[in-house]
Amino acid sequence: LAGLRAPDAGSVHLDGRDIRAWSA
């Protein structure tokens, strides 16, 4: 959920955007 580990499948969204789209 914190984006510290990447899932093998599925996604996490932070404020409606994929968490990977945000800079650190």
mmCIF file of all heavy atoms, coordinates in Angstrom:
data_MODEL
# 
_entry.id   MODEL 
# 
loop_
_atom_site.group_PDB 
_atom_site.id 
_atom_site.type_symbol 
_atom_site.label_atom_id 
_atom_site.label_alt_id 
_atom_site.label_comp_id 
_atom_site.label_asym_id 
_atom_site.label_entity_id 
_atom_site.label_seq_id 
_atom_site.pdbx_PDB_ins_code 
_atom_site.Cartn_x 
_atom_site.Cartn_y 
_atom_site.Cartn_z 
_atom_site.occupancy 
_atom_site.B_iso_or_equiv 
_atom_site.pdbx_formal_charge 
_atom_site.auth_seq_id 
_atom_site.auth_comp_id 
_atom_site.auth_asym_id 
_atom_site.auth_atom_id 
_atom_site.pdbx_PDB_model_num 
ATOM 1   N N   . LEU A 1 1  ? 0.821  -1.204  0.000   1.00 0.00 ? 1  LEU A N   1 
ATOM 2   C CA  . LEU A 1 1  ? 0.000  0.000   0.000   1.00 0.00 ? 1  LEU A CA  1 
ATOM 3   C C   . LEU A 1 1  ? 0.859  1.258   0.000   1.00 0.00 ? 1  LEU A C   1 
ATOM 4   O O   . LEU A 1 1  ? 0.481  2.288   -0.570  1.00 0.00 ? 1  LEU A O   1 
ATOM 5   C CB  . LEU A 1 1  ? -0.930 0.003   1.210   1.00 0.00 ? 1  LEU A CB  1 
ATOM 6   C CG  . LEU A 1 1  ? -2.031 -1.050  1.244   1.00 0.00 ? 1  LEU A CG  1 
ATOM 7   C CD1 . LEU A 1 1  ? -2.790 -0.996  2.571   1.00 0.00 ? 1  LEU A CD1 1 
ATOM 8   C CD2 . LEU A 1 1  ? -2.994 -0.875  0.077   1.00 0.00 ? 1  LEU A CD2 1 
ATOM 9   N N   . ALA A 1 2  ? 2.016  1.185   0.659   1.00 0.00 ? 2  ALA A N   1 
ATOM 10  C CA  . ALA A 1 2  ? 2.910  2.339   0.732   1.00 0.00 ? 2  ALA A CA  1 
ATOM 11  C C   . ALA A 1 2  ? 3.732  2.529   -0.538  1.00 0.00 ? 2  ALA A C   1 
ATOM 12  O O   . ALA A 1 2  ? 4.431  3.536   -0.683  1.00 0.00 ? 2  ALA A O   1 
ATOM 13  C CB  . ALA A 1 2  ? 3.841  2.197   1.932   1.00 0.00 ? 2  ALA A CB  1 
ATOM 14  N N   . GLY A 1 3  ? 3.658  1.567   -1.451  1.00 0.00 ? 3  GLY A N   1 
ATOM 15  C CA  . GLY A 1 3  ? 4.450  1.654   -2.667  1.00 0.00 ? 3  GLY A CA  1 
ATOM 16  C C   . GLY A 1 3  ? 5.906  1.280   -2.480  1.00 0.00 ? 3  GLY A C   1 
ATOM 17  O O   . GLY A 1 3  ? 6.735  1.541   -3.352  1.00 0.00 ? 3  GLY A O   1 
ATOM 18  N N   . LEU A 1 4  ? 6.226  0.660   -1.356  1.00 0.00 ? 4  LEU A N   1 
ATOM 19  C CA  . LEU A 1 4  ? 7.609  0.274   -1.079  1.00 0.00 ? 4  LEU A CA  1 
ATOM 20  C C   . LEU A 1 4  ? 7.959  -1.073  -1.685  1.00 0.00 ? 4  LEU A C   1 
ATOM 21  O O   . LEU A 1 4  ? 9.131  -1.434  -1.766  1.00 0.00 ? 4  LEU A O   1 
ATOM 22  C CB  . LEU A 1 4  ? 7.850  0.232   0.432   1.00 0.00 ? 4  LEU A CB  1 
ATOM 23  C CG  . LEU A 1 4  ? 7.595  1.557   1.161   1.00 0.00 ? 4  LEU A CG  1 
ATOM 24  C CD1 . LEU A 1 4  ? 7.790  1.378   2.654   1.00 0.00 ? 4  LEU A CD1 1 
ATOM 25  C CD2 . LEU A 1 4  ? 8.522  2.644   0.626   1.00 0.00 ? 4  LEU A CD2 1 
ATOM 26  N N   . ARG A 1 5  ? 6.957  -1.805  -2.088  1.00 0.00 ? 5  ARG A N   1 
ATOM 27  C CA  . ARG A 1 5  ? 7.148  -3.100  -2.734  1.00 0.00 ? 5  ARG A CA  1 
ATOM 28  C C   . ARG A 1 5  ? 6.166  -3.179  -3.901  1.00 0.00 ? 5  ARG A C   1 
ATOM 29  O O   . ARG A 1 5  ? 5.026  -2.732  -3.783  1.00 0.00 ? 5  ARG A O   1 
ATOM 30  C CB  . ARG A 1 5  ? 6.879  -4.226  -1.729  1.00 0.00 ? 5  ARG A CB  1 
ATOM 31  C CG  . ARG A 1 5  ? 7.247  -5.616  -2.222  1.00 0.00 ? 5  ARG A CG  1 
ATOM 32  C CD  . ARG A 1 5  ? 6.696  -6.668  -1.275  1.00 0.00 ? 5  ARG A CD  1 
ATOM 33  N NE  . ARG A 1 5  ? 7.292  -6.617  0.041   1.00 0.00 ? 5  ARG A NE  1 
ATOM 34  C CZ  . ARG A 1 5  ? 8.339  -7.352  0.420   1.00 0.00 ? 5  ARG A CZ  1 
ATOM 35  N NH1 . ARG A 1 5  ? 8.905  -8.166  -0.447  1.00 0.00 ? 5  ARG A NH1 1 
ATOM 36  N NH2 . ARG A 1 5  ? 8.789  -7.267  1.644   1.00 0.00 ? 5  ARG A NH2 1 
ATOM 37  N N   . ALA A 1 6  ? 6.613  -3.727  -5.004  1.00 0.00 ? 6  ALA A N   1 
ATOM 38  C CA  . ALA A 1 6  ? 5.754  -3.841  -6.180  1.00 0.00 ? 6  ALA A CA  1 
ATOM 39  C C   . ALA A 1 6  ? 5.034  -5.186  -6.164  1.00 0.00 ? 6  ALA A C   1 
ATOM 40  O O   . ALA A 1 6  ? 5.658  -6.221  -5.932  1.00 0.00 ? 6  ALA A O   1 
ATOM 41  C CB  . ALA A 1 6  ? 6.577  -3.715  -7.454  1.00 0.00 ? 6  ALA A CB  1 
ATOM 42  N N   . PRO A 1 7  ? 3.734  -5.205  -6.407  1.00 0.00 ? 7  PRO A N   1 
ATOM 43  C CA  . PRO A 1 7  ? 3.003  -6.472  -6.438  1.00 0.00 ? 7  PRO A CA  1 
ATOM 44  C C   . PRO A 1 7  ? 3.313  -7.246  -7.719  1.00 0.00 ? 7  PRO A C   1 
ATOM 45  O O   . PRO A 1 7  ? 3.716  -6.667  -8.730  1.00 0.00 ? 7  PRO A O   1 
ATOM 46  C CB  . PRO A 1 7  ? 1.543  -6.027  -6.393  1.00 0.00 ? 7  PRO A CB  1 
ATOM 47  C CG  . PRO A 1 7  ? 1.545  -4.691  -7.076  1.00 0.00 ? 7  PRO A CG  1 
ATOM 48  C CD  . PRO A 1 7  ? 2.848  -4.048  -6.684  1.00 0.00 ? 7  PRO A CD  1 
ATOM 49  N N   . ASP A 1 8  ? 3.093  -8.544  -7.672  1.00 0.00 ? 8  ASP A N   1 
ATOM 50  C CA  . ASP A 1 8  ? 3.184  -9.352  -8.892  1.00 0.00 ? 8  ASP A CA  1 
ATOM 51  C C   . ASP A 1 8  ? 1.978  -9.108  -9.787  1.00 0.00 ? 8  ASP A C   1 
ATOM 52  O O   . ASP A 1 8  ? 2.058  -9.245  -11.013 1.00 0.00 ? 8  ASP A O   1 
ATOM 53  C CB  . ASP A 1 8  ? 3.279  -10.843 -8.533  1.00 0.00 ? 8  ASP A CB  1 
ATOM 54  C CG  . ASP A 1 8  ? 4.569  -11.181 -7.804  1.00 0.00 ? 8  ASP A CG  1 
ATOM 55  O OD1 . ASP A 1 8  ? 5.612  -10.618 -8.174  1.00 0.00 ? 8  ASP A OD1 1 
ATOM 56  O OD2 . ASP A 1 8  ? 4.521  -11.982 -6.863  1.00 0.00 ? 8  ASP A OD2 1 
ATOM 57  N N   . ALA A 1 9  ? 0.860  -8.789  -9.182  1.00 0.00 ? 9  ALA A N   1 
ATOM 58  C CA  . ALA A 1 9  ? -0.362 -8.475  -9.925  1.00 0.00 ? 9  ALA A CA  1 
ATOM 59  C C   . ALA A 1 9  ? -1.186 -7.504  -9.106  1.00 0.00 ? 9  ALA A C   1 
ATOM 60  O O   . ALA A 1 9  ? -1.030 -7.408  -7.887  1.00 0.00 ? 9  ALA A O   1 
ATOM 61  C CB  . ALA A 1 9  ? -1.160 -9.746  -10.218 1.00 0.00 ? 9  ALA A CB  1 
ATOM 62  N N   . GLY A 1 10 ? -2.075 -6.774  -9.776  1.00 0.00 ? 10 GLY A N   1 
ATOM 63  C CA  . GLY A 1 10 ? -2.894 -5.802  -9.092  1.00 0.00 ? 10 GLY A CA  1 
ATOM 64  C C   . GLY A 1 10 ? -2.264 -4.420  -9.104  1.00 0.00 ? 10 GLY A C   1 
ATOM 65  O O   . GLY A 1 10 ? -1.194 -4.197  -9.684  1.00 0.00 ? 10 GLY A O   1 
ATOM 66  N N   . SER A 1 11 ? -2.918 -3.466  -8.460  1.00 0.00 ? 11 SER A N   1 
ATOM 67  C CA  . SER A 1 11 ? -2.447 -2.083  -8.489  1.00 0.00 ? 11 SER A CA  1 
ATOM 68  C C   . SER A 1 11 ? -2.827 -1.357  -7.213  1.00 0.00 ? 11 SER A C   1 
ATOM 69  O O   . SER A 1 11 ? -3.748 -1.747  -6.501  1.00 0.00 ? 11 SER A O   1 
ATOM 70  C CB  . SER A 1 11 ? -3.035 -1.344  -9.694  1.00 0.00 ? 11 SER A CB  1 
ATOM 71  O OG  . SER A 1 11 ? -4.451 -1.309  -9.611  1.00 0.00 ? 11 SER A OG  1 
ATOM 72  N N   . VAL A 1 12 ? -2.079 -0.296  -6.925  1.00 0.00 ? 12 VAL A N   1 
ATOM 73  C CA  . VAL A 1 12 ? -2.360 0.612   -5.817  1.00 0.00 ? 12 VAL A CA  1 
ATOM 74  C C   . VAL A 1 12 ? -2.531 2.010   -6.397  1.00 0.00 ? 12 VAL A C   1 
ATOM 75  O O   . VAL A 1 12 ? -1.713 2.448   -7.218  1.00 0.00 ? 12 VAL A O   1 
ATOM 76  C CB  . VAL A 1 12 ? -1.228 0.597   -4.773  1.00 0.00 ? 12 VAL A CB  1 
ATOM 77  C CG1 . VAL A 1 12 ? -1.506 1.625   -3.669  1.00 0.00 ? 12 VAL A CG1 1 
ATOM 78  C CG2 . VAL A 1 12 ? -1.046 -0.788  -4.179  1.00 0.00 ? 12 VAL A CG2 1 
ATOM 79  N N   . HIS A 1 13 ? -3.580 2.697   -5.982  1.00 0.00 ? 13 HIS A N   1 
ATOM 80  C CA  . HIS A 1 13 ? -3.841 4.050   -6.453  1.00 0.00 ? 13 HIS A CA  1 
ATOM 81  C C   . HIS A 1 13 ? -3.817 5.022   -5.278  1.00 0.00 ? 13 HIS A C   1 
ATOM 82  O O   . HIS A 1 13 ? -4.454 4.783   -4.251  1.00 0.00 ? 13 HIS A O   1 
ATOM 83  C CB  . HIS A 1 13 ? -5.193 4.132   -7.168  1.00 0.00 ? 13 HIS A CB  1 
ATOM 84  C CG  . HIS A 1 13 ? -5.174 3.521   -8.532  1.00 0.00 ? 13 HIS A CG  1 
ATOM 85  N ND1 . HIS A 1 13 ? -5.058 2.164   -8.736  1.00 0.00 ? 13 HIS A ND1 1 
ATOM 86  C CD2 . HIS A 1 13 ? -5.243 4.095   -9.770  1.00 0.00 ? 13 HIS A CD2 1 
ATOM 87  C CE1 . HIS A 1 13 ? -5.060 1.915   -10.033 1.00 0.00 ? 13 HIS A CE1 1 
ATOM 88  N NE2 . HIS A 1 13 ? -5.175 3.055   -10.682 1.00 0.00 ? 13 HIS A NE2 1 
ATOM 89  N N   . LEU A 1 14 ? -3.073 6.093   -5.455  1.00 0.00 ? 14 LEU A N   1 
ATOM 90  C CA  . LEU A 1 14 ? -2.966 7.166   -4.469  1.00 0.00 ? 14 LEU A CA  1 
ATOM 91  C C   . LEU A 1 14 ? -3.620 8.401   -5.064  1.00 0.00 ? 14 LEU A C   1 
ATOM 92  O O   . LEU A 1 14 ? -3.210 8.867   -6.149  1.00 0.00 ? 14 LEU A O   1 
ATOM 93  C CB  . LEU A 1 14 ? -1.494 7.429   -4.147  1.00 0.00 ? 14 LEU A CB  1 
ATOM 94  C CG  . LEU A 1 14 ? -1.165 8.569   -3.175  1.00 0.00 ? 14 LEU A CG  1 
ATOM 95  C CD1 . LEU A 1 14 ? -1.738 8.297   -1.789  1.00 0.00 ? 14 LEU A CD1 1 
ATOM 96  C CD2 . LEU A 1 14 ? 0.357  8.777   -3.097  1.00 0.00 ? 14 LEU A CD2 1 
ATOM 97  N N   . ASP A 1 15 ? -4.650 8.905   -4.412  1.00 0.00 ? 15 ASP A N   1 
ATOM 98  C CA  . ASP A 1 15 ? -5.408 10.052  -4.933  1.00 0.00 ? 15 ASP A CA  1 
ATOM 99  C C   . ASP A 1 15 ? -5.851 9.824   -6.374  1.00 0.00 ? 15 ASP A C   1 
ATOM 100 O O   . ASP A 1 15 ? -5.797 10.731  -7.218  1.00 0.00 ? 15 ASP A O   1 
ATOM 101 C CB  . ASP A 1 15 ? -4.591 11.337  -4.831  1.00 0.00 ? 15 ASP A CB  1 
ATOM 102 C CG  . ASP A 1 15 ? -4.543 11.892  -3.417  1.00 0.00 ? 15 ASP A CG  1 
ATOM 103 O OD1 . ASP A 1 15 ? -5.406 11.495  -2.603  1.00 0.00 ? 15 ASP A OD1 1 
ATOM 104 O OD2 . ASP A 1 15 ? -3.654 12.700  -3.123  1.00 0.00 ? 15 ASP A OD2 1 
ATOM 105 N N   . GLY A 1 16 ? -6.273 8.598   -6.674  1.00 0.00 ? 16 GLY A N   1 
ATOM 106 C CA  . GLY A 1 16 ? -6.834 8.290   -7.981  1.00 0.00 ? 16 GLY A CA  1 
ATOM 107 C C   . GLY A 1 16 ? -5.831 7.980   -9.073  1.00 0.00 ? 16 GLY A C   1 
ATOM 108 O O   . GLY A 1 16 ? -6.226 7.635   -10.195 1.00 0.00 ? 16 GLY A O   1 
ATOM 109 N N   . ARG A 1 17 ? -4.533 8.090   -8.777  1.00 0.00 ? 17 ARG A N   1 
ATOM 110 C CA  . ARG A 1 17 ? -3.495 7.782   -9.765  1.00 0.00 ? 17 ARG A CA  1 
ATOM 111 C C   . ARG A 1 17 ? -2.694 6.577   -9.296  1.00 0.00 ? 17 ARG A C   1 
ATOM 112 O O   . ARG A 1 17 ? -2.481 6.385   -8.105  1.00 0.00 ? 17 ARG A O   1 
ATOM 113 C CB  . ARG A 1 17 ? -2.532 8.967   -9.933  1.00 0.00 ? 17 ARG A CB  1 
ATOM 114 C CG  . ARG A 1 17 ? -3.123 10.197  -10.572 1.00 0.00 ? 17 ARG A CG  1 
ATOM 115 C CD  . ARG A 1 17 ? -2.133 11.356  -10.535 1.00 0.00 ? 17 ARG A CD  1 
ATOM 116 N NE  . ARG A 1 17 ? -0.869 11.033  -11.165 1.00 0.00 ? 17 ARG A NE  1 
ATOM 117 C CZ  . ARG A 1 17 ? 0.230  11.799  -11.053 1.00 0.00 ? 17 ARG A CZ  1 
ATOM 118 N NH1 . ARG A 1 17 ? 0.206  12.892  -10.291 1.00 0.00 ? 17 ARG A NH1 1 
ATOM 119 N NH2 . ARG A 1 17 ? 1.338  11.455  -11.657 1.00 0.00 ? 17 ARG A NH2 1 
ATOM 120 N N   . ASP A 1 18 ? -2.231 5.791   -10.269 1.00 0.00 ? 18 ASP A N   1 
ATOM 121 C CA  . ASP A 1 18 ? -1.359 4.676   -9.935  1.00 0.00 ? 18 ASP A CA  1 
ATOM 122 C C   . ASP A 1 18 ? -0.199 5.204   -9.098  1.00 0.00 ? 18 ASP A C   1 
ATOM 123 O O   . ASP A 1 18 ? 0.424  6.219   -9.441  1.00 0.00 ? 18 ASP A O   1 
ATOM 124 C CB  . ASP A 1 18 ? -0.838 4.015   -11.208 1.00 0.00 ? 18 ASP A CB  1 
ATOM 125 C CG  . ASP A 1 18 ? -0.147 2.686   -10.933 1.00 0.00 ? 18 ASP A CG  1 
ATOM 126 O OD1 . ASP A 1 18 ? 0.862  2.681   -10.191 1.00 0.00 ? 18 ASP A OD1 1 
ATOM 127 O OD2 . ASP A 1 18 ? -0.617 1.659   -11.453 1.00 0.00 ? 18 ASP A OD2 1 
ATOM 128 N N   . ILE A 1 19 ? 0.091  4.523   -8.006  1.00 0.00 ? 19 ILE A N   1 
ATOM 129 C CA  . ILE A 1 19 ? 1.113  5.032   -7.078  1.00 0.00 ? 19 ILE A CA  1 
ATOM 130 C C   . ILE A 1 19 ? 2.471  5.151   -7.750  1.00 0.00 ? 19 ILE A C   1 
ATOM 131 O O   . ILE A 1 19 ? 3.305  5.971   -7.357  1.00 0.00 ? 19 ILE A O   1 
ATOM 132 C CB  . ILE A 1 19 ? 1.174  4.136   -5.812  1.00 0.00 ? 19 ILE A CB  1 
ATOM 133 C CG1 . ILE A 1 19 ? 1.871  4.886   -4.671  1.00 0.00 ? 19 ILE A CG1 1 
ATOM 134 C CG2 . ILE A 1 19 ? 1.841  2.791   -6.113  1.00 0.00 ? 19 ILE A CG2 1 
ATOM 135 C CD1 . ILE A 1 19 ? 1.696  4.229   -3.324  1.00 0.00 ? 19 ILE A CD1 1 
ATOM 136 N N   . ARG A 1 20 ? 2.701  4.378   -8.800  1.00 0.00 ? 20 ARG A N   1 
ATOM 137 C CA  . ARG A 1 20 ? 3.979  4.441   -9.512  1.00 0.00 ? 20 ARG A CA  1 
ATOM 138 C C   . ARG A 1 20 ? 4.098  5.706   -10.351 1.00 0.00 ? 20 ARG A C   1 
ATOM 139 O O   . ARG A 1 20 ? 5.201  6.050   -10.800 1.00 0.00 ? 20 ARG A O   1 
ATOM 140 C CB  . ARG A 1 20 ? 4.139  3.206   -10.401 1.00 0.00 ? 20 ARG A CB  1 
ATOM 141 C CG  . ARG A 1 20 ? 4.245  1.898   -9.622  1.00 0.00 ? 20 ARG A CG  1 
ATOM 142 C CD  . ARG A 1 20 ? 4.128  0.694   -10.532 1.00 0.00 ? 20 ARG A CD  1 
ATOM 143 N NE  . ARG A 1 20 ? 2.806  0.641   -11.179 1.00 0.00 ? 20 ARG A NE  1 
ATOM 144 C CZ  . ARG A 1 20 ? 2.424  -0.334  -11.974 1.00 0.00 ? 20 ARG A CZ  1 
ATOM 145 N NH1 . ARG A 1 20 ? 3.244  -1.344  -12.244 1.00 0.00 ? 20 ARG A NH1 1 
ATOM 146 N NH2 . ARG A 1 20 ? 1.211  -0.309  -12.522 1.00 0.00 ? 20 ARG A NH2 1 
ATOM 147 N N   . ALA A 1 21 ? 2.980  6.401   -10.579 1.00 0.00 ? 21 ALA A N   1 
ATOM 148 C CA  . ALA A 1 21 ? 3.000  7.622   -11.377 1.00 0.00 ? 21 ALA A CA  1 
ATOM 149 C C   . ALA A 1 21 ? 3.477  8.830   -10.576 1.00 0.00 ? 21 ALA A C   1 
ATOM 150 O O   . ALA A 1 21 ? 3.824  9.865   -11.154 1.00 0.00 ? 21 ALA A O   1 
ATOM 151 C CB  . ALA A 1 21 ? 1.616  7.903   -11.962 1.00 0.00 ? 21 ALA A CB  1 
ATOM 152 N N   . TRP A 1 22 ? 3.478  8.705   -9.263  1.00 0.00 ? 22 TRP A N   1 
ATOM 153 C CA  . TRP A 1 22 ? 3.956  9.791   -8.404  1.00 0.00 ? 22 TRP A CA  1 
ATOM 154 C C   . TRP A 1 22 ? 5.471  9.683   -8.235  1.00 0.00 ? 22 TRP A C   1 
ATOM 155 O O   . TRP A 1 22 ? 6.013  8.590   -8.130  1.00 0.00 ? 22 TRP A O   1 
ATOM 156 C CB  . TRP A 1 22 ? 3.309  9.720   -7.023  1.00 0.00 ? 22 TRP A CB  1 
ATOM 157 C CG  . TRP A 1 22 ? 1.824  9.869   -6.993  1.00 0.00 ? 22 TRP A CG  1 
ATOM 158 C CD1 . TRP A 1 22 ? 0.900  8.867   -6.909  1.00 0.00 ? 22 TRP A CD1 1 
ATOM 159 C CD2 . TRP A 1 22 ? 1.076  11.083  -7.031  1.00 0.00 ? 22 TRP A CD2 1 
ATOM 160 N NE1 . TRP A 1 22 ? -0.378 9.364   -6.887  1.00 0.00 ? 22 TRP A NE1 1 
ATOM 161 C CE2 . TRP A 1 22 ? -0.306 10.725  -6.968  1.00 0.00 ? 22 TRP A CE2 1 
ATOM 162 C CE3 . TRP A 1 22 ? 1.426  12.426  -7.111  1.00 0.00 ? 22 TRP A CE3 1 
ATOM 163 C CZ2 . TRP A 1 22 ? -1.313 11.676  -6.979  1.00 0.00 ? 22 TRP A CZ2 1 
ATOM 164 C CZ3 . TRP A 1 22 ? 0.416  13.381  -7.126  1.00 0.00 ? 22 TRP A CZ3 1 
ATOM 165 C CH2 . TRP A 1 22 ? -0.934 13.008  -7.057  1.00 0.00 ? 22 TRP A CH2 1 
ATOM 166 N N   . SER A 1 23 ? 6.139  10.813  -8.163  1.00 0.00 ? 23 SER A N   1 
ATOM 167 C CA  . SER A 1 23 ? 7.553  10.791  -7.790  1.00 0.00 ? 23 SER A CA  1 
ATOM 168 C C   . SER A 1 23 ? 7.675  10.415  -6.321  1.00 0.00 ? 23 SER A C   1 
ATOM 169 O O   . SER A 1 23 ? 6.704  10.494  -5.563  1.00 0.00 ? 23 SER A O   1 
ATOM 170 C CB  . SER A 1 23 ? 8.192  12.159  -8.031  1.00 0.00 ? 23 SER A CB  1 
ATOM 171 O OG  . SER A 1 23 ? 7.699  13.115  -7.087  1.00 0.00 ? 23 SER A OG  1 
ATOM 172 N N   . ALA A 1 24 ? 8.875  10.007  -5.920  1.00 0.00 ? 24 ALA A N   1 
ATOM 173 C CA  . ALA A 1 24 ? 9.081  9.616   -4.525  1.00 0.00 ? 24 ALA A CA  1 
ATOM 174 C C   . ALA A 1 24 ? 8.742  10.768  -3.585  1.00 0.00 ? 24 ALA A C   1 
ATOM 175 O O   . ALA A 1 24 ? 8.143  10.558  -2.525  1.00 0.00 ? 24 ALA A O   1 
ATOM 176 C CB  . ALA A 1 24 ? 10.522 9.164   -4.316  1.00 0.00 ? 24 ALA A CB  1 
# 
